[in-house]
Amino acid sequence: MLVGTISDLDPDGLFGVIDADDGRLVLFNLKGVDCADKGSFKVGTRVEFVERSGDLAPRALSLSRVVHA
């Protein structure tokens, strides 16, 4: 799993950009995330994800919040 921080989020809170810890930008879409969890993704949220190639840029799949123990 890769890790990064949400750096930008559209006004509807469905699409955004992750600054991956390795310095790359990765796009994400919250359509596939459980509705109860969508509100927990905000600018500054640390996330884990799996990366997949996209048409414009890499895309994040299996997005989840990083929970500190």
PDB file of N, CA and C in Angstrom:
ATOM      1  N   MET A   1       0.835  -1.184   0.000  1.00  0.00           N
ATOM      2  CA  MET A   1       0.000   0.000   0.000  1.00  0.00           C
ATOM      3  C   MET A   1       0.880   1.248   0.000  1.00  0.00           C
ATOM      4  N   LEU A   2       0.450   2.235  -0.739  1.00  0.00           N
ATOM      5  CA  LEU A   2       1.124   3.527  -0.754  1.00  0.00           C
ATOM      6  C   LEU A   2       0.433   4.444   0.251  1.00  0.00           C
ATOM      7  N   VAL A   3       1.126   5.493   0.652  1.00  0.00           N
ATOM      8  CA  VAL A   3       0.590   6.428   1.646  1.00  0.00           C
ATOM      9  C   VAL A   3       0.779   7.850   1.124  1.00  0.00           C
ATOM     10  N   GLY A   4      -0.165   8.724   1.455  1.00  0.00           N
ATOM     11  CA  GLY A   4      -0.066  10.120   1.068  1.00  0.00           C
ATOM     12  C   GLY A   4      -1.078  10.959   1.831  1.00  0.00           C
ATOM     13  N   THR A   5      -1.201  12.230   1.423  1.00  0.00           N
ATOM     14  CA  THR A   5      -2.096  13.178   2.072  1.00  0.00           C
ATOM     15  C   THR A   5      -2.999  13.815   1.028  1.00  0.00           C
ATOM     16  N   ILE A   6      -4.293  13.898   1.316  1.00  0.00           N
ATOM     17  CA  ILE A   6      -5.213  14.570   0.401  1.00  0.00           C
ATOM     18  C   ILE A   6      -4.856  16.050   0.372  1.00  0.00           C
ATOM     19  N   SER A   7      -4.549  16.558  -0.834  1.00  0.00           N
ATOM     20  CA  SER A   7      -4.131  17.950  -0.960  1.00  0.00           C
ATOM     21  C   SER A   7      -5.185  18.829  -1.630  1.00  0.00           C
ATOM     22  N   ASP A   8      -6.140  18.205  -2.324  1.00  0.00           N
ATOM     23  CA  ASP A   8      -7.176  18.983  -2.999  1.00  0.00           C
ATOM     24  C   ASP A   8      -8.422  18.115  -3.105  1.00  0.00           C
ATOM     25  N   LEU A   9      -9.590  18.746  -2.985  1.00  0.00           N
ATOM     26  CA  LEU A   9     -10.856  18.037  -3.025  1.00  0.00           C
ATOM     27  C   LEU A   9     -11.888  18.942  -3.678  1.00  0.00           C
ATOM     28  N   ASP A  10     -12.667  18.401  -4.626  1.00  0.00           N
ATOM     29  CA  ASP A  10     -13.678  19.226  -5.289  1.00  0.00           C
ATOM     30  C   ASP A  10     -14.772  19.617  -4.295  1.00  0.00           C
ATOM     31  N   PRO A  11     -15.562  20.644  -4.600  1.00  0.00           N
ATOM     32  CA  PRO A  11     -16.570  21.139  -3.659  1.00  0.00           C
ATOM     33  C   PRO A  11     -17.607  20.083  -3.247  1.00  0.00           C
ATOM     34  N   ASP A  12     -17.875  19.106  -4.108  1.00  0.00           N
ATOM     35  CA  ASP A  12     -18.832  18.055  -3.775  1.00  0.00           C
ATOM     36  C   ASP A  12     -18.194  16.936  -2.966  1.00  0.00           C
ATOM     37  N   GLY A  13     -16.878  16.978  -2.819  1.00  0.00           N
ATOM     38  CA  GLY A  13     -16.171  15.998  -2.013  1.00  0.00           C
ATOM     39  C   GLY A  13     -16.063  14.622  -2.632  1.00  0.00           C
ATOM     40  N   LEU A  14     -16.130  14.522  -3.959  1.00  0.00           N
ATOM     41  CA  LEU A  14     -16.057  13.208  -4.606  1.00  0.00           C
ATOM     42  C   LEU A  14     -14.739  12.947  -5.321  1.00  0.00           C
ATOM     43  N   PHE A  15     -14.101  13.983  -5.818  1.00  0.00           N
ATOM     44  CA  PHE A  15     -12.868  13.838  -6.579  1.00  0.00           C
ATOM     45  C   PHE A  15     -11.774  14.680  -5.943  1.00  0.00           C
ATOM     46  N   GLY A  16     -10.534  14.206  -6.049  1.00  0.00           N
ATOM     47  CA  GLY A  16      -9.453  14.989  -5.481  1.00  0.00           C
ATOM     48  C   GLY A  16      -8.084  14.489  -5.875  1.00  0.00           C
ATOM     49  N   VAL A  17      -7.086  15.045  -5.193  1.00  0.00           N
ATOM     50  CA  VAL A  17      -5.683  14.757  -5.471  1.00  0.00           C
ATOM     51  C   VAL A  17      -5.001  14.362  -4.169  1.00  0.00           C
ATOM     52  N   ILE A  18      -4.151  13.350  -4.272  1.00  0.00           N
ATOM     53  CA  ILE A  18      -3.327  12.907  -3.147  1.00  0.00           C
ATOM     54  C   ILE A  18      -1.890  13.251  -3.463  1.00  0.00           C
ATOM     55  N   ASP A  19      -1.188  13.877  -2.518  1.00  0.00           N
ATOM     56  CA  ASP A  19       0.269  14.035  -2.607  1.00  0.00           C
ATOM     57  C   ASP A  19       0.860  12.782  -1.982  1.00  0.00           C
ATOM     58  N   ALA A  20       1.319  11.867  -2.835  1.00  0.00           N
ATOM     59  CA  ALA A  20       1.900  10.625  -2.324  1.00  0.00           C
ATOM     60  C   ALA A  20       3.213  10.939  -1.616  1.00  0.00           C
ATOM     61  N   ASP A  21       3.567  10.121  -0.633  1.00  0.00           N
ATOM     62  CA  ASP A  21       4.795  10.350   0.130  1.00  0.00           C
ATOM     63  C   ASP A  21       6.044  10.282  -0.737  1.00  0.00           C
ATOM     64  N   ASP A  22       5.944   9.651  -1.919  1.00  0.00           N
ATOM     65  CA  ASP A  22       7.105   9.580  -2.815  1.00  0.00           C
ATOM     66  C   ASP A  22       7.191  10.796  -3.738  1.00  0.00           C
ATOM     67  N   GLY A  23       6.299  11.796  -3.543  1.00  0.00           N
ATOM     68  CA  GLY A  23       6.381  13.051  -4.288  1.00  0.00           C
ATOM     69  C   GLY A  23       5.480  13.147  -5.507  1.00  0.00           C
ATOM     70  N   ARG A  24       4.810  12.084  -5.864  1.00  0.00           N
ATOM     71  CA  ARG A  24       3.933  12.115  -7.043  1.00  0.00           C
ATOM     72  C   ARG A  24       2.523  12.546  -6.665  1.00  0.00           C
ATOM     73  N   LEU A  25       1.766  13.017  -7.665  1.00  0.00           N
ATOM     74  CA  LEU A  25       0.355  13.354  -7.484  1.00  0.00           C
ATOM     75  C   LEU A  25      -0.482  12.198  -8.016  1.00  0.00           C
ATOM     76  N   VAL A  26      -1.498  11.812  -7.249  1.00  0.00           N
ATOM     77  CA  VAL A  26      -2.362  10.701  -7.615  1.00  0.00           C
ATOM     78  C   VAL A  26      -3.810  11.168  -7.491  1.00  0.00           C
ATOM     79  N   LEU A  27      -4.620  10.906  -8.513  1.00  0.00           N
ATOM     80  CA  LEU A  27      -6.025  11.297  -8.504  1.00  0.00           C
ATOM     81  C   LEU A  27      -6.857  10.245  -7.789  1.00  0.00           C
ATOM     82  N   PHE A  28      -7.989  10.663  -7.201  1.00  0.00           N
ATOM     83  CA  PHE A  28      -8.894   9.688  -6.604  1.00  0.00           C
ATOM     84  C   PHE A  28     -10.344  10.084  -6.817  1.00  0.00           C
ATOM     85  N   ASN A  29     -11.216   9.088  -6.687  1.00  0.00           N
ATOM     86  CA  ASN A  29     -12.647   9.245  -6.841  1.00  0.00           C
ATOM     87  C   ASN A  29     -13.289   8.501  -5.677  1.00  0.00           C
ATOM     88  N   LEU A  30     -14.142   9.166  -4.925  1.00  0.00           N
ATOM     89  CA  LEU A  30     -14.755   8.548  -3.756  1.00  0.00           C
ATOM     90  C   LEU A  30     -16.052   7.804  -4.075  1.00  0.00           C
ATOM     91  N   LYS A  31     -16.403   7.649  -5.341  1.00  0.00           N
ATOM     92  CA  LYS A  31     -17.633   6.940  -5.698  1.00  0.00           C
ATOM     93  C   LYS A  31     -17.662   5.533  -5.122  1.00  0.00           C
ATOM     94  N   GLY A  32     -16.528   4.854  -5.085  1.00  0.00           N
ATOM     95  CA  GLY A  32     -16.490   3.484  -4.611  1.00  0.00           C
ATOM     96  C   GLY A  32     -16.329   3.326  -3.114  1.00  0.00           C
ATOM     97  N   VAL A  33     -16.249   4.428  -2.391  1.00  0.00           N
ATOM     98  CA  VAL A  33     -16.052   4.374  -0.935  1.00  0.00           C
ATOM     99  C   VAL A  33     -17.410   4.308  -0.243  1.00  0.00           C
ATOM    100  N   ASP A  34     -17.509   3.526   0.804  1.00  0.00           N
ATOM    101  CA  ASP A  34     -18.735   3.398   1.583  1.00  0.00           C
ATOM    102  C   ASP A  34     -19.260   4.783   1.957  1.00  0.00           C
ATOM    103  N   CYS A  35     -20.545   5.023   1.731  1.00  0.00           N
ATOM    104  CA  CYS A  35     -21.156   6.344   1.979  1.00  0.00           C
ATOM    105  C   CYS A  35     -20.902   6.854   3.392  1.00  0.00           C
ATOM    106  N   ALA A  36     -20.858   5.973   4.363  1.00  0.00           N
ATOM    107  CA  ALA A  36     -20.648   6.395   5.748  1.00  0.00           C
ATOM    108  C   ALA A  36     -19.250   6.976   5.945  1.00  0.00           C
ATOM    109  N   ASP A  37     -18.298   6.580   5.115  1.00  0.00           N
ATOM    110  CA  ASP A  37     -16.916   7.031   5.272  1.00  0.00           C
ATOM    111  C   ASP A  37     -16.567   8.260   4.441  1.00  0.00           C
ATOM    112  N   LYS A  38     -17.381   8.627   3.466  1.00  0.00           N
ATOM    113  CA  LYS A  38     -17.023   9.721   2.554  1.00  0.00           C
ATOM    114  C   LYS A  38     -16.727  11.027   3.276  1.00  0.00           C
ATOM    115  N   GLY A  39     -17.444  11.326   4.322  1.00  0.00           N
ATOM    116  CA  GLY A  39     -17.251  12.570   5.055  1.00  0.00           C
ATOM    117  C   GLY A  39     -15.940  12.643   5.808  1.00  0.00           C
ATOM    118  N   SER A  40     -15.274  11.516   5.985  1.00  0.00           N
ATOM    119  CA  SER A  40     -14.013  11.513   6.731  1.00  0.00           C
ATOM    120  C   SER A  40     -12.817  11.855   5.849  1.00  0.00           C
ATOM    121  N   PHE A  41     -13.016  11.975   4.543  1.00  0.00           N
ATOM    122  CA  PHE A  41     -11.930  12.331   3.628  1.00  0.00           C
ATOM    123  C   PHE A  41     -11.978  13.826   3.372  1.00  0.00           C
ATOM    124  N   LYS A  42     -11.003  14.546   3.922  1.00  0.00           N
ATOM    125  CA  LYS A  42     -10.912  16.003   3.786  1.00  0.00           C
ATOM    126  C   LYS A  42      -9.473  16.369   3.433  1.00  0.00           C
ATOM    127  N   VAL A  43      -9.253  17.604   2.996  1.00  0.00           N
ATOM    128  CA  VAL A  43      -7.889  18.072   2.743  1.00  0.00           C
ATOM    129  C   VAL A  43      -7.090  17.900   4.029  1.00  0.00           C
ATOM    130  N   GLY A  44      -5.929  17.290   3.918  1.00  0.00           N
ATOM    131  CA  GLY A  44      -5.068  17.045   5.063  1.00  0.00           C
ATOM    132  C   GLY A  44      -5.178  15.639   5.628  1.00  0.00           C
ATOM    133  N   THR A  45      -6.174  14.858   5.194  1.00  0.00           N
ATOM    134  CA  THR A  45      -6.344  13.491   5.673  1.00  0.00           C
ATOM    135  C   THR A  45      -5.243  12.597   5.111  1.00  0.00           C
ATOM    136  N   ARG A  46      -4.612  11.811   5.984  1.00  0.00           N
ATOM    137  CA  ARG A  46      -3.613  10.826   5.560  1.00  0.00           C
ATOM    138  C   ARG A  46      -4.351   9.580   5.088  1.00  0.00           C
ATOM    139  N   VAL A  47      -3.957   9.063   3.923  1.00  0.00           N
ATOM    140  CA  VAL A  47      -4.639   7.917   3.331  1.00  0.00           C
ATOM    141  C   VAL A  47      -3.644   6.869   2.841  1.00  0.00           C
ATOM    142  N   GLU A  48      -4.129   5.634   2.788  1.00  0.00           N
ATOM    143  CA  GLU A  48      -3.416   4.535   2.166  1.00  0.00           C
ATOM    144  C   GLU A  48      -4.190   4.170   0.910  1.00  0.00           C
ATOM    145  N   PHE A  49      -3.474   3.703  -0.107  1.00  0.00           N
ATOM    146  CA  PHE A  49      -4.160   3.380  -1.360  1.00  0.00           C
ATOM    147  C   PHE A  49      -3.307   2.454  -2.211  1.00  0.00           C
ATOM    148  N   VAL A  50      -3.970   1.856  -3.181  1.00  0.00           N
ATOM    149  CA  VAL A  50      -3.305   1.075  -4.220  1.00  0.00           C
ATOM    150  C   VAL A  50      -3.358   1.935  -5.471  1.00  0.00           C
ATOM    151  N   GLU A  51      -2.260   1.995  -6.203  1.00  0.00           N
ATOM    152  CA  GLU A  51      -2.193   2.848  -7.389  1.00  0.00           C
ATOM    153  C   GLU A  51      -2.457   2.041  -8.656  1.00  0.00           C
ATOM    154  N   ARG A  52      -3.154   2.685  -9.580  1.00  0.00           N
ATOM    155  CA  ARG A  52      -3.405   2.101 -10.895  1.00  0.00           C
ATOM    156  C   ARG A  52      -3.167   3.176 -11.944  1.00  0.00           C
ATOM    157  N   SER A  53      -2.647   2.800 -13.097  1.00  0.00           N
ATOM    158  CA  SER A  53      -2.428   3.762 -14.181  1.00  0.00           C
ATOM    159  C   SER A  53      -3.765   4.313 -14.653  1.00  0.00           C
ATOM    160  N   GLY A  54      -3.775   5.611 -14.965  1.00  0.00           N
ATOM    161  CA  GLY A  54      -4.976   6.263 -15.484  1.00  0.00           C
ATOM    162  C   GLY A  54      -4.656   6.992 -16.767  1.00  0.00           C
ATOM    163  N   ASP A  55      -5.679   7.494 -17.452  1.00  0.00           N
ATOM    164  CA  ASP A  55      -5.481   8.207 -18.710  1.00  0.00           C
ATOM    165  C   ASP A  55      -4.697   9.502 -18.518  1.00  0.00           C
ATOM    166  N   LEU A  56      -5.038  10.275 -17.499  1.00  0.00           N
ATOM    167  CA  LEU A  56      -4.394  11.567 -17.266  1.00  0.00           C
ATOM    168  C   LEU A  56      -3.265  11.496 -16.249  1.00  0.00           C
ATOM    169  N   ALA A  57      -3.454  10.671 -15.251  1.00  0.00           N
ATOM    170  CA  ALA A  57      -2.491  10.571 -14.148  1.00  0.00           C
ATOM    171  C   ALA A  57      -2.766   9.268 -13.409  1.00  0.00           C
ATOM    172  N   PRO A  58      -1.859   8.853 -12.530  1.00  0.00           N
ATOM    173  CA  PRO A  58      -2.137   7.658 -11.724  1.00  0.00           C
ATOM    174  C   PRO A  58      -3.399   7.865 -10.892  1.00  0.00           C
ATOM    175  N   ARG A  59      -4.111   6.776 -10.637  1.00  0.00           N
ATOM    176  CA  ARG A  59      -5.342   6.821  -9.847  1.00  0.00           C
ATOM    177  C   ARG A  59      -5.200   5.963  -8.600  1.00  0.00           C
ATOM    178  N   ALA A  60      -5.826   6.415  -7.527  1.00  0.00           N
ATOM    179  CA  ALA A  60      -5.821   5.673  -6.269  1.00  0.00           C
ATOM    180  C   ALA A  60      -7.049   4.775  -6.209  1.00  0.00           C
ATOM    181  N   LEU A  61      -6.823   3.517  -5.846  1.00  0.00           N
ATOM    182  CA  LEU A  61      -7.900   2.566  -5.617  1.00  0.00           C
ATOM    183  C   LEU A  61      -7.810   2.089  -4.180  1.00  0.00           C
ATOM    184  N   SER A  62      -8.881   1.505  -3.679  1.00  0.00           N
ATOM    185  CA  SER A  62      -8.897   0.968  -2.313  1.00  0.00           C
ATOM    186  C   SER A  62      -8.424   2.011  -1.299  1.00  0.00           C
ATOM    187  N   LEU A  63      -8.990   3.193  -1.398  1.00  0.00           N
ATOM    188  CA  LEU A  63      -8.612   4.308  -0.538  1.00  0.00           C
ATOM    189  C   LEU A  63      -9.128   4.097   0.886  1.00  0.00           C
ATOM    190  N   SER A  64      -8.250   4.280   1.867  1.00  0.00           N
ATOM    191  CA  SER A  64      -8.661   4.191   3.271  1.00  0.00           C
ATOM    192  C   SER A  64      -7.856   5.174   4.114  1.00  0.00           C
ATOM    193  N   ARG A  65      -8.450   5.620   5.198  1.00  0.00           N
ATOM    194  CA  ARG A  65      -7.767   6.555   6.097  1.00  0.00           C
ATOM    195  C   ARG A  65      -6.660   5.839   6.840  1.00  0.00           C
ATOM    196  N   VAL A  66      -5.564   6.556   7.090  1.00  0.00           N
ATOM    197  CA  VAL A  66      -4.506   6.034   7.927  1.00  0.00           C
ATOM    198  C   VAL A  66      -4.920   6.293   9.371  1.00  0.00           C
ATOM    199  N   VAL A  67      -5.027   5.253  10.140  1.00  0.00           N
ATOM    200  CA  VAL A  67      -5.429   5.379  11.539  1.00  0.00           C
ATOM    201  C   VAL A  67      -4.200   5.130  12.396  1.00  0.00           C
ATOM    202  N   HIS A  68      -3.847   6.105  13.207  1.00  0.00           N
ATOM    203  CA  HIS A  68      -2.684   5.978  14.080  1.00  0.00           C
ATOM    204  C   HIS A  68      -3.051   5.168  15.304  1.00  0.00           C
ATOM    205  N   ALA A  69      -2.200   4.223  15.622  1.00  0.00           N
ATOM    206  CA  ALA A  69      -2.474   3.352  16.781  1.00  0.00           C
ATOM    207  C   ALA A  69      -2.100   4.037  18.073  1.00  0.00           C
TER     208      ALA A  69
END
